[in-house]
């Protein structure tokens, strides 16, 4: 979708307008959660008002690697939302807010240890992990192999292990591949550039 919006502007001879692209993509998608990072690259936080979508972007520490595990089954967003409670306790919300701020700082500064300490979710993983049959196995495997953190990507079924270096990421990747040899597993850096039109 993002590629199509950028292409339409190019075909019309218009300069790429990121805010316009974000607003159009958000209207089509219904939320900016996926389209904003695709447009902007890096670490992106978004929210929507009646007028527009707002995005805050940070670079991600260059040392960090994300070992992505993608099962061959999917977890639909609608299904993942159904398992969440309708309300949360004040204590759990306060717990999570402090860790959200720490997690953003950790990712932007490349502090894998801090991210690991902050990556303790009470708002969605305790409920959604039951939809991902490989979650507990892969989490244990990744952390035992030296990953600093392990978490669900969005609503799932993809999962991510965070590592502080290429060397550490290779160890985690090898351990995960041995544990689930038929699963797509790949170590990746963060994409900082976002969407663009390649000229030439």
N, C-alpha and C. Protein backbone atom coordinates (compact mmCIF):
# COMPACT_ATOMS: atom_id res chain seq x y z
N UNK A 1 0.82 -1.20 0.00
CA UNK A 1 0.00 0.00 0.00
C UNK A 1 0.87 1.27 0.00
N UNK A 2 1.87 1.30 0.88
CA UNK A 2 2.76 2.45 0.95
C UNK A 2 3.45 2.68 -0.39
N UNK A 3 3.93 1.60 -1.00
CA UNK A 3 4.60 1.72 -2.30
C UNK A 3 3.65 2.32 -3.34
N UNK A 4 2.40 1.89 -3.32
CA UNK A 4 1.42 2.40 -4.28
C UNK A 4 1.15 3.88 -4.10
N UNK A 5 1.09 4.33 -2.86
CA UNK A 5 0.83 5.75 -2.58
C UNK A 5 2.01 6.61 -3.05
N UNK A 6 3.23 6.14 -2.79
CA UNK A 6 4.40 6.88 -3.25
C UNK A 6 4.49 6.88 -4.78
N UNK A 7 4.16 5.75 -5.38
CA UNK A 7 4.20 5.65 -6.84
C UNK A 7 3.19 6.58 -7.48
N UNK A 8 2.00 6.68 -6.88
CA UNK A 8 0.97 7.57 -7.44
C UNK A 8 1.45 9.02 -7.45
N UNK A 9 2.13 9.45 -6.39
CA UNK A 9 2.65 10.82 -6.36
C UNK A 9 3.72 11.01 -7.42
N UNK A 10 4.56 10.01 -7.62
CA UNK A 10 5.63 10.10 -8.61
C UNK A 10 5.06 10.17 -10.02
N UNK A 11 4.08 9.33 -10.31
CA UNK A 11 3.46 9.31 -11.64
C UNK A 11 2.82 10.65 -11.96
N UNK A 12 2.26 11.30 -10.93
CA UNK A 12 1.63 12.60 -11.14
C UNK A 12 2.65 13.74 -11.16
N UNK A 13 3.93 13.41 -11.00
CA UNK A 13 4.96 14.43 -11.04
C UNK A 13 5.04 15.27 -9.78
N UNK A 14 4.53 14.73 -8.68
CA UNK A 14 4.51 15.47 -7.42
C UNK A 14 5.70 15.05 -6.55
N UNK A 15 6.19 15.96 -5.72
CA UNK A 15 7.21 15.56 -4.75
C UNK A 15 6.58 14.64 -3.70
N UNK A 16 7.36 13.72 -3.16
CA UNK A 16 6.84 12.81 -2.15
C UNK A 16 6.52 13.60 -0.88
N UNK A 17 5.28 13.53 -0.47
CA UNK A 17 4.81 14.21 0.75
C UNK A 17 4.55 13.13 1.80
N UNK A 18 5.46 13.02 2.77
CA UNK A 18 5.36 11.95 3.76
C UNK A 18 4.10 12.08 4.61
N UNK A 19 3.77 13.30 5.05
CA UNK A 19 2.58 13.47 5.89
C UNK A 19 1.32 13.12 5.12
N UNK A 20 1.23 13.56 3.88
CA UNK A 20 0.08 13.20 3.04
C UNK A 20 0.02 11.69 2.86
N UNK A 21 1.17 11.09 2.58
CA UNK A 21 1.22 9.64 2.40
C UNK A 21 0.75 8.91 3.66
N UNK A 22 1.19 9.39 4.82
CA UNK A 22 0.78 8.78 6.08
C UNK A 22 -0.71 8.93 6.31
N UNK A 23 -1.26 10.10 6.03
CA UNK A 23 -2.70 10.32 6.23
C UNK A 23 -3.53 9.43 5.31
N UNK A 24 -3.12 9.34 4.05
CA UNK A 24 -3.86 8.51 3.08
C UNK A 24 -3.76 7.03 3.47
N UNK A 25 -2.56 6.58 3.80
CA UNK A 25 -2.37 5.18 4.17
C UNK A 25 -3.14 4.83 5.45
N UNK A 26 -3.16 5.76 6.40
CA UNK A 26 -3.89 5.52 7.65
C UNK A 26 -5.39 5.42 7.40
N UNK A 27 -5.89 6.27 6.50
CA UNK A 27 -7.31 6.23 6.17
C UNK A 27 -7.68 4.90 5.52
N UNK A 28 -6.81 4.42 4.63
CA UNK A 28 -7.08 3.15 3.95
C UNK A 28 -6.97 1.98 4.92
N UNK A 29 -5.89 1.97 5.71
CA UNK A 29 -5.60 0.86 6.61
C UNK A 29 -6.49 0.86 7.86
N UNK A 30 -6.90 2.06 8.28
CA UNK A 30 -7.71 2.17 9.49
C UNK A 30 -6.91 2.52 10.72
N UNK A 31 -5.58 2.40 10.64
CA UNK A 31 -4.68 2.77 11.73
C UNK A 31 -3.28 2.92 11.16
N UNK A 32 -2.40 3.68 11.85
CA UNK A 32 -1.06 3.92 11.31
C UNK A 32 0.01 2.95 11.80
N UNK A 33 -0.37 1.92 12.55
CA UNK A 33 0.61 1.08 13.25
C UNK A 33 1.65 0.47 12.31
N UNK A 34 1.24 0.04 11.13
CA UNK A 34 2.17 -0.59 10.19
C UNK A 34 2.67 0.36 9.11
N UNK A 35 1.79 1.25 8.65
CA UNK A 35 2.17 2.11 7.52
C UNK A 35 3.17 3.19 7.95
N UNK A 36 3.08 3.68 9.18
CA UNK A 36 4.01 4.73 9.62
C UNK A 36 5.45 4.22 9.67
N UNK A 37 5.73 3.07 10.28
CA UNK A 37 7.11 2.56 10.24
C UNK A 37 7.58 2.26 8.82
N UNK A 38 6.68 1.76 7.97
CA UNK A 38 7.07 1.48 6.58
C UNK A 38 7.48 2.76 5.87
N UNK A 39 6.78 3.86 6.14
CA UNK A 39 7.09 5.14 5.51
C UNK A 39 8.35 5.78 6.07
N UNK A 40 8.50 5.72 7.39
CA UNK A 40 9.52 6.50 8.06
C UNK A 40 10.80 5.73 8.39
N UNK A 41 10.70 4.42 8.55
CA UNK A 41 11.85 3.64 9.00
C UNK A 41 12.16 3.92 10.45
N UNK A 42 13.04 3.13 11.04
CA UNK A 42 13.44 3.34 12.44
C UNK A 42 12.37 2.92 13.42
N UNK A 43 12.42 3.52 14.60
CA UNK A 43 11.48 3.25 15.68
C UNK A 43 10.40 4.32 15.64
N UNK A 44 9.15 3.92 15.47
CA UNK A 44 8.08 4.87 15.24
C UNK A 44 6.93 4.64 16.22
N UNK A 45 6.47 5.72 16.82
CA UNK A 45 5.28 5.69 17.66
C UNK A 45 4.23 6.59 17.02
N UNK A 46 2.97 6.15 17.01
CA UNK A 46 1.94 6.92 16.32
C UNK A 46 0.67 7.03 17.16
N UNK A 47 -0.07 8.09 16.89
CA UNK A 47 -1.44 8.19 17.40
C UNK A 47 -2.24 9.03 16.42
N UNK A 48 -3.56 8.94 16.50
CA UNK A 48 -4.44 9.59 15.53
C UNK A 48 -5.43 10.50 16.26
N UNK A 49 -5.61 11.71 15.74
CA UNK A 49 -6.67 12.60 16.20
C UNK A 49 -7.72 12.66 15.10
N UNK A 50 -8.74 13.48 15.28
CA UNK A 50 -9.76 13.63 14.24
C UNK A 50 -9.19 14.25 12.98
N UNK A 51 -8.11 15.00 13.13
CA UNK A 51 -7.57 15.73 11.99
C UNK A 51 -6.48 14.97 11.22
N UNK A 52 -5.62 14.22 11.94
CA UNK A 52 -4.47 13.63 11.26
C UNK A 52 -3.82 12.55 12.11
N UNK A 53 -2.86 11.86 11.49
CA UNK A 53 -2.03 10.89 12.21
C UNK A 53 -0.71 11.57 12.58
N UNK A 54 -0.29 11.40 13.81
CA UNK A 54 0.98 11.96 14.29
C UNK A 54 1.97 10.82 14.50
N UNK A 55 3.19 11.03 14.08
CA UNK A 55 4.22 10.01 14.25
C UNK A 55 5.47 10.63 14.85
N UNK A 56 6.07 9.91 15.77
CA UNK A 56 7.34 10.29 16.35
C UNK A 56 8.35 9.22 15.97
N UNK A 57 9.48 9.65 15.41
CA UNK A 57 10.47 8.70 14.89
C UNK A 57 11.81 8.85 15.59
N UNK A 58 12.45 7.71 15.86
CA UNK A 58 13.79 7.67 16.43
C UNK A 58 14.65 6.72 15.60
N UNK A 59 15.94 7.00 15.56
CA UNK A 59 16.87 6.00 15.03
C UNK A 59 16.95 4.83 16.01
N UNK A 60 17.44 3.71 15.53
CA UNK A 60 17.64 2.53 16.37
C UNK A 60 19.14 2.27 16.46
N UNK A 61 19.62 1.93 17.66
CA UNK A 61 21.04 1.67 17.85
C UNK A 61 21.59 0.73 16.79
N UNK A 62 22.70 1.12 16.15
CA UNK A 62 23.24 0.35 15.03
C UNK A 62 23.71 -1.04 15.43
N UNK A 63 24.06 -1.23 16.70
CA UNK A 63 24.57 -2.53 17.13
C UNK A 63 23.46 -3.58 17.27
N UNK A 64 22.23 -3.15 17.41
CA UNK A 64 21.14 -4.08 17.72
C UNK A 64 20.76 -4.92 16.50
N UNK A 65 20.46 -6.20 16.78
CA UNK A 65 19.99 -7.10 15.75
C UNK A 65 18.70 -7.76 16.23
N UNK A 66 17.81 -8.00 15.27
CA UNK A 66 16.49 -8.55 15.56
C UNK A 66 16.36 -9.89 14.86
N UNK A 67 16.33 -10.96 15.65
CA UNK A 67 16.23 -12.30 15.09
C UNK A 67 14.74 -12.63 15.00
N UNK A 68 14.24 -12.62 13.78
CA UNK A 68 12.80 -12.76 13.54
C UNK A 68 12.44 -14.21 13.30
N UNK A 69 11.41 -14.67 13.98
CA UNK A 69 10.89 -16.04 13.81
C UNK A 69 9.47 -15.94 13.25
N UNK A 70 9.26 -16.48 12.07
CA UNK A 70 7.95 -16.39 11.43
C UNK A 70 7.38 -17.79 11.20
N UNK A 71 6.44 -18.22 12.05
CA UNK A 71 5.81 -19.52 11.85
C UNK A 71 5.01 -19.57 10.55
N UNK A 72 4.69 -20.77 10.10
CA UNK A 72 3.93 -20.92 8.86
C UNK A 72 2.43 -20.73 9.09
N UNK A 73 2.03 -20.56 10.33
CA UNK A 73 0.63 -20.26 10.62
C UNK A 73 0.52 -18.80 11.02
N UNK A 74 -0.68 -18.23 10.90
CA UNK A 74 -0.86 -16.83 11.24
C UNK A 74 -1.80 -16.67 12.42
N UNK A 75 -1.67 -15.54 13.08
CA UNK A 75 -2.61 -15.13 14.11
C UNK A 75 -3.29 -13.87 13.58
N UNK A 76 -4.57 -13.95 13.35
CA UNK A 76 -5.28 -12.79 12.80
C UNK A 76 -5.43 -11.72 13.88
N UNK A 77 -5.30 -10.46 13.45
CA UNK A 77 -5.40 -9.35 14.39
C UNK A 77 -6.72 -9.37 15.14
N UNK A 78 -7.80 -9.67 14.44
CA UNK A 78 -9.11 -9.72 15.09
C UNK A 78 -9.13 -10.77 16.20
N UNK A 79 -8.57 -11.92 15.91
CA UNK A 79 -8.51 -12.99 16.90
C UNK A 79 -7.65 -12.58 18.10
N UNK A 80 -6.52 -11.92 17.82
CA UNK A 80 -5.62 -11.50 18.90
C UNK A 80 -6.27 -10.44 19.78
N UNK A 81 -7.08 -9.59 19.19
CA UNK A 81 -7.78 -8.57 19.99
C UNK A 81 -8.86 -9.19 20.86
N UNK A 82 -9.45 -10.27 20.40
CA UNK A 82 -10.54 -10.91 21.14
C UNK A 82 -10.08 -11.46 22.48
N UNK A 83 -8.82 -11.86 22.59
CA UNK A 83 -8.35 -12.49 23.83
C UNK A 83 -7.93 -11.46 24.88
N UNK A 84 -7.86 -10.19 24.50
CA UNK A 84 -7.47 -9.16 25.47
C UNK A 84 -8.64 -8.81 26.38
N UNK A 85 -8.37 -8.51 27.65
CA UNK A 85 -9.44 -8.06 28.54
C UNK A 85 -9.94 -6.68 28.12
N UNK A 86 -11.15 -6.34 28.54
CA UNK A 86 -11.72 -5.05 28.18
C UNK A 86 -11.13 -3.92 29.01
N UNK A 87 -10.56 -4.23 30.16
CA UNK A 87 -9.94 -3.20 30.99
C UNK A 87 -8.74 -3.79 31.72
N UNK A 88 -7.87 -2.91 32.19
CA UNK A 88 -6.67 -3.31 32.92
C UNK A 88 -6.62 -2.56 34.24
N UNK A 89 -5.93 -3.12 35.20
CA UNK A 89 -5.80 -2.47 36.50
C UNK A 89 -4.87 -1.26 36.38
N UNK A 90 -5.06 -0.29 37.26
CA UNK A 90 -4.20 0.87 37.29
C UNK A 90 -2.74 0.45 37.50
N UNK A 91 -2.53 -0.53 38.35
CA UNK A 91 -1.17 -1.00 38.61
C UNK A 91 -0.48 -1.52 37.37
N UNK A 92 -1.21 -2.29 36.55
CA UNK A 92 -0.62 -2.83 35.33
C UNK A 92 -0.32 -1.72 34.32
N UNK A 93 -1.19 -0.72 34.24
CA UNK A 93 -0.96 0.38 33.31
C UNK A 93 0.26 1.19 33.73
N UNK A 94 0.38 1.49 35.02
CA UNK A 94 1.54 2.23 35.52
C UNK A 94 2.82 1.42 35.28
N UNK A 95 2.76 0.12 35.57
CA UNK A 95 3.89 -0.79 35.32
C UNK A 95 4.35 -0.68 33.87
N UNK A 96 3.39 -0.70 32.94
CA UNK A 96 3.73 -0.72 31.52
C UNK A 96 4.24 0.61 31.02
N UNK A 97 3.67 1.71 31.49
CA UNK A 97 4.07 3.03 31.00
C UNK A 97 5.54 3.31 31.28
N UNK A 98 6.00 2.99 32.49
CA UNK A 98 7.41 3.20 32.81
C UNK A 98 8.32 2.38 31.92
N UNK A 99 7.91 1.17 31.62
CA UNK A 99 8.72 0.30 30.78
C UNK A 99 8.68 0.73 29.31
N UNK A 100 7.58 1.33 28.88
CA UNK A 100 7.51 1.84 27.50
C UNK A 100 8.55 2.93 27.26
N UNK A 101 8.64 3.86 28.20
CA UNK A 101 9.61 4.95 28.06
C UNK A 101 11.03 4.38 28.05
N UNK A 102 11.30 3.45 28.96
CA UNK A 102 12.62 2.83 29.03
C UNK A 102 12.93 2.06 27.74
N UNK A 103 11.94 1.37 27.20
CA UNK A 103 12.16 0.58 25.98
C UNK A 103 12.51 1.48 24.79
N UNK A 104 11.84 2.62 24.67
CA UNK A 104 12.15 3.55 23.58
C UNK A 104 13.59 4.06 23.72
N UNK A 105 13.96 4.46 24.91
CA UNK A 105 15.32 4.94 25.13
C UNK A 105 16.34 3.83 24.84
N UNK A 106 16.04 2.62 25.28
CA UNK A 106 16.96 1.50 25.08
C UNK A 106 17.17 1.20 23.60
N UNK A 107 16.10 1.18 22.83
CA UNK A 107 16.23 0.90 21.40
C UNK A 107 16.97 2.02 20.67
N UNK A 108 16.67 3.26 21.01
CA UNK A 108 17.29 4.37 20.31
C UNK A 108 18.77 4.53 20.68
N UNK A 109 19.14 4.13 21.90
CA UNK A 109 20.54 4.25 22.33
C UNK A 109 21.34 2.98 22.11
N UNK A 110 20.66 1.88 21.76
CA UNK A 110 21.35 0.62 21.55
C UNK A 110 21.65 -0.13 22.83
N UNK A 111 20.91 0.15 23.90
CA UNK A 111 21.14 -0.47 25.20
C UNK A 111 20.30 -1.75 25.31
N UNK A 112 20.86 -2.87 24.86
CA UNK A 112 20.12 -4.13 24.83
C UNK A 112 19.77 -4.61 26.23
N UNK A 113 20.66 -4.39 27.18
CA UNK A 113 20.39 -4.83 28.56
C UNK A 113 19.18 -4.10 29.14
N UNK A 114 19.11 -2.79 28.93
CA UNK A 114 17.97 -2.02 29.41
C UNK A 114 16.69 -2.46 28.72
N UNK A 115 16.78 -2.73 27.41
CA UNK A 115 15.58 -3.19 26.70
C UNK A 115 15.11 -4.52 27.27
N UNK A 116 16.04 -5.41 27.55
CA UNK A 116 15.66 -6.69 28.13
C UNK A 116 14.95 -6.53 29.46
N UNK A 117 15.43 -5.60 30.29
CA UNK A 117 14.80 -5.36 31.59
C UNK A 117 13.42 -4.74 31.43
N UNK A 118 13.25 -3.91 30.40
CA UNK A 118 11.96 -3.23 30.21
C UNK A 118 10.94 -4.09 29.47
N UNK A 119 11.41 -5.16 28.83
CA UNK A 119 10.56 -5.98 27.98
C UNK A 119 9.81 -7.02 28.81
N UNK A 120 8.94 -6.53 29.65
CA UNK A 120 8.15 -7.38 30.55
C UNK A 120 6.72 -6.89 30.47
N UNK A 121 5.97 -7.47 29.56
CA UNK A 121 4.66 -6.95 29.18
C UNK A 121 3.53 -7.54 30.02
N UNK A 122 2.59 -6.68 30.43
CA UNK A 122 1.40 -7.13 31.15
C UNK A 122 0.10 -6.84 30.40
N UNK A 123 0.20 -6.18 29.24
CA UNK A 123 -1.01 -5.74 28.56
C UNK A 123 -1.43 -6.58 27.37
N UNK A 124 -0.47 -7.28 26.73
CA UNK A 124 -0.93 -8.10 25.60
C UNK A 124 -0.26 -9.47 25.52
N UNK A 125 1.02 -9.60 25.82
CA UNK A 125 1.67 -10.91 25.66
C UNK A 125 1.10 -12.00 26.56
N UNK A 126 0.76 -11.71 27.83
CA UNK A 126 0.20 -12.80 28.66
C UNK A 126 -1.06 -13.41 28.06
N UNK A 127 -1.78 -12.65 27.26
CA UNK A 127 -3.04 -13.12 26.67
C UNK A 127 -2.83 -13.69 25.27
N UNK A 128 -1.96 -13.07 24.49
CA UNK A 128 -1.78 -13.46 23.09
C UNK A 128 -0.81 -14.62 22.90
N UNK A 129 0.08 -14.84 23.86
CA UNK A 129 1.07 -15.90 23.65
C UNK A 129 0.41 -17.27 23.53
N UNK A 130 -0.78 -17.43 24.12
CA UNK A 130 -1.50 -18.70 24.01
C UNK A 130 -1.95 -19.02 22.59
N UNK A 131 -1.99 -18.01 21.72
CA UNK A 131 -2.37 -18.21 20.32
C UNK A 131 -1.19 -18.67 19.46
N UNK A 132 0.02 -18.61 20.04
CA UNK A 132 1.24 -18.94 19.29
C UNK A 132 1.85 -20.19 19.93
N UNK A 133 1.65 -21.33 19.31
CA UNK A 133 2.01 -22.59 19.95
C UNK A 133 3.51 -22.74 20.20
N UNK A 134 4.33 -22.01 19.43
CA UNK A 134 5.78 -22.12 19.57
C UNK A 134 6.39 -21.07 20.50
N UNK A 135 5.57 -20.22 21.08
CA UNK A 135 6.08 -19.07 21.83
C UNK A 135 7.00 -19.48 22.97
N UNK A 136 6.53 -20.32 23.86
CA UNK A 136 7.31 -20.67 25.05
C UNK A 136 8.61 -21.39 24.69
N UNK A 137 8.53 -22.29 23.72
CA UNK A 137 9.72 -23.03 23.27
C UNK A 137 10.78 -22.07 22.72
N UNK A 138 10.35 -21.17 21.83
CA UNK A 138 11.30 -20.26 21.20
C UNK A 138 11.81 -19.21 22.18
N UNK A 139 10.98 -18.76 23.06
CA UNK A 139 11.41 -17.77 24.06
C UNK A 139 12.52 -18.35 24.93
N UNK A 140 12.29 -19.55 25.45
CA UNK A 140 13.30 -20.20 26.29
C UNK A 140 14.59 -20.42 25.51
N UNK A 141 14.45 -20.88 24.29
CA UNK A 141 15.62 -21.17 23.45
C UNK A 141 16.43 -19.90 23.20
N UNK A 142 15.75 -18.81 22.84
CA UNK A 142 16.43 -17.56 22.52
C UNK A 142 17.15 -16.98 23.73
N UNK A 143 16.46 -16.94 24.87
CA UNK A 143 17.06 -16.36 26.07
C UNK A 143 18.23 -17.22 26.56
N UNK A 144 18.09 -18.53 26.47
CA UNK A 144 19.19 -19.42 26.88
C UNK A 144 20.41 -19.29 25.96
N UNK A 145 20.16 -18.87 24.72
CA UNK A 145 21.27 -18.71 23.76
C UNK A 145 21.91 -17.33 23.85
N UNK A 146 21.39 -16.47 24.73
CA UNK A 146 22.03 -15.17 24.93
C UNK A 146 21.26 -13.97 24.45
N UNK A 147 20.02 -14.15 23.97
CA UNK A 147 19.22 -12.99 23.58
C UNK A 147 18.92 -12.13 24.80
N UNK A 148 18.86 -10.83 24.60
CA UNK A 148 18.54 -9.91 25.70
C UNK A 148 17.05 -9.80 25.94
N UNK A 149 16.25 -10.11 24.92
CA UNK A 149 14.80 -10.01 25.05
C UNK A 149 14.14 -10.87 24.00
N UNK A 150 12.88 -11.21 24.24
CA UNK A 150 12.09 -11.98 23.28
C UNK A 150 10.66 -11.48 23.39
N UNK A 151 10.03 -11.19 22.25
CA UNK A 151 8.69 -10.61 22.29
C UNK A 151 7.90 -10.95 21.03
N UNK A 152 6.59 -10.79 21.13
CA UNK A 152 5.70 -11.01 19.99
C UNK A 152 5.73 -9.77 19.11
N UNK A 153 5.80 -9.97 17.80
CA UNK A 153 5.75 -8.86 16.86
C UNK A 153 4.28 -8.55 16.54
N UNK A 154 3.83 -7.39 16.99
CA UNK A 154 2.43 -7.02 16.78
C UNK A 154 1.52 -7.99 17.48
N UNK A 155 0.52 -8.49 16.75
CA UNK A 155 -0.40 -9.46 17.33
C UNK A 155 0.09 -10.90 17.12
N UNK A 156 1.23 -11.09 16.45
CA UNK A 156 1.74 -12.41 16.15
C UNK A 156 1.34 -12.79 14.71
N UNK A 157 1.71 -13.94 14.26
CA UNK A 157 2.41 -15.00 14.97
C UNK A 157 3.93 -14.83 14.97
N UNK A 158 4.43 -13.82 14.25
CA UNK A 158 5.87 -13.59 14.24
C UNK A 158 6.37 -13.19 15.63
N UNK A 159 7.59 -13.60 15.94
CA UNK A 159 8.23 -13.28 17.22
C UNK A 159 9.63 -12.78 16.94
N UNK A 160 10.19 -12.03 17.90
CA UNK A 160 11.49 -11.41 17.70
C UNK A 160 12.36 -11.59 18.94
N UNK A 161 13.59 -12.01 18.71
CA UNK A 161 14.61 -12.03 19.77
C UNK A 161 15.56 -10.88 19.51
N UNK A 162 15.86 -10.09 20.54
CA UNK A 162 16.78 -8.97 20.39
C UNK A 162 18.16 -9.36 20.86
N UNK A 163 19.18 -9.03 20.06
CA UNK A 163 20.57 -9.33 20.40
C UNK A 163 21.40 -8.07 20.29
N UNK A 164 22.48 -7.99 21.08
CA UNK A 164 23.27 -6.77 21.17
C UNK A 164 24.37 -6.67 20.12
N UNK A 165 24.58 -7.72 19.31
CA UNK A 165 25.65 -7.70 18.32
C UNK A 165 25.40 -8.77 17.27
N UNK A 166 26.16 -8.70 16.18
CA UNK A 166 26.07 -9.73 15.14
C UNK A 166 26.46 -11.10 15.68
N UNK A 167 27.51 -11.13 16.49
CA UNK A 167 27.98 -12.40 17.05
C UNK A 167 26.90 -13.03 17.92
N UNK A 168 26.33 -12.23 18.79
CA UNK A 168 25.26 -12.74 19.66
C UNK A 168 24.06 -13.17 18.84
N UNK A 169 23.71 -12.39 17.84
CA UNK A 169 22.55 -12.71 17.00
C UNK A 169 22.75 -14.04 16.28
N UNK A 170 23.97 -14.31 15.79
CA UNK A 170 24.23 -15.58 15.10
C UNK A 170 24.03 -16.76 16.04
N UNK A 171 24.47 -16.63 17.28
CA UNK A 171 24.29 -17.71 18.26
C UNK A 171 22.81 -17.96 18.51
N UNK A 172 22.06 -16.88 18.66
CA UNK A 172 20.62 -17.01 18.90
C UNK A 172 19.93 -17.61 17.69
N UNK A 173 20.30 -17.13 16.51
CA UNK A 173 19.70 -17.65 15.28
C UNK A 173 19.97 -19.15 15.11
N UNK A 174 21.19 -19.57 15.35
CA UNK A 174 21.54 -20.98 15.22
C UNK A 174 20.75 -21.84 16.21
N UNK A 175 20.61 -21.36 17.44
CA UNK A 175 19.86 -22.12 18.45
C UNK A 175 18.39 -22.23 18.07
N UNK A 176 17.82 -21.15 17.55
CA UNK A 176 16.41 -21.16 17.15
C UNK A 176 16.19 -22.08 15.96
N UNK A 177 17.13 -22.08 15.01
CA UNK A 177 17.00 -22.95 13.83
C UNK A 177 17.05 -24.43 14.24
N UNK A 178 17.89 -24.76 15.20
CA UNK A 178 17.95 -26.14 15.68
C UNK A 178 16.66 -26.53 16.37
N UNK A 179 16.07 -25.57 17.08
CA UNK A 179 14.84 -25.84 17.80
C UNK A 179 13.64 -26.00 16.87
N UNK A 180 13.59 -25.16 15.83
CA UNK A 180 12.47 -25.19 14.87
C UNK A 180 13.03 -25.11 13.45
N UNK A 181 13.56 -26.22 12.93
CA UNK A 181 14.26 -26.19 11.63
C UNK A 181 13.37 -25.83 10.45
N UNK A 182 12.06 -26.00 10.56
CA UNK A 182 11.17 -25.72 9.44
C UNK A 182 10.64 -24.28 9.45
N UNK A 183 11.00 -23.49 10.45
CA UNK A 183 10.48 -22.13 10.58
C UNK A 183 11.42 -21.14 9.89
N UNK A 184 10.83 -20.06 9.32
CA UNK A 184 11.63 -18.98 8.73
C UNK A 184 12.22 -18.16 9.86
N UNK A 185 13.54 -18.14 9.95
CA UNK A 185 14.25 -17.42 11.02
C UNK A 185 15.39 -16.63 10.39
N UNK A 186 15.46 -15.36 10.69
CA UNK A 186 16.46 -14.51 10.05
C UNK A 186 16.88 -13.39 11.00
N UNK A 187 18.20 -13.12 11.06
CA UNK A 187 18.72 -12.01 11.85
C UNK A 187 18.79 -10.76 10.98
N UNK A 188 18.20 -9.67 11.46
CA UNK A 188 18.09 -8.45 10.66
C UNK A 188 18.46 -7.21 11.47
N UNK A 189 19.06 -6.21 10.81
CA UNK A 189 19.22 -4.91 11.46
C UNK A 189 17.92 -4.13 11.32
N UNK A 190 17.78 -3.05 12.07
CA UNK A 190 16.62 -2.17 11.90
C UNK A 190 16.77 -1.42 10.57
N UNK A 191 15.66 -1.23 9.88
CA UNK A 191 15.67 -0.44 8.65
C UNK A 191 15.43 1.02 9.03
N UNK A 192 16.40 1.87 8.78
CA UNK A 192 16.31 3.26 9.21
C UNK A 192 15.82 4.20 8.11
N UNK A 193 15.82 3.73 6.87
CA UNK A 193 15.52 4.63 5.75
C UNK A 193 14.04 4.83 5.51
N UNK A 194 13.24 3.80 5.64
CA UNK A 194 11.83 3.91 5.30
C UNK A 194 11.60 3.83 3.81
N UNK A 195 10.38 4.12 3.38
CA UNK A 195 10.02 3.97 1.98
C UNK A 195 10.60 5.11 1.13
N UNK A 196 11.00 4.79 -0.09
CA UNK A 196 11.54 5.80 -0.99
C UNK A 196 11.39 5.31 -2.43
N UNK A 197 11.46 6.25 -3.36
CA UNK A 197 11.44 5.92 -4.77
C UNK A 197 12.88 5.87 -5.28
N UNK A 198 13.27 4.72 -5.82
CA UNK A 198 14.62 4.58 -6.36
C UNK A 198 14.67 5.17 -7.76
N UNK A 199 15.57 6.08 -7.94
CA UNK A 199 15.71 6.72 -9.26
C UNK A 199 16.95 6.20 -9.96
N UNK A 200 16.79 5.93 -11.23
CA UNK A 200 17.92 5.41 -12.01
C UNK A 200 17.80 3.98 -12.12
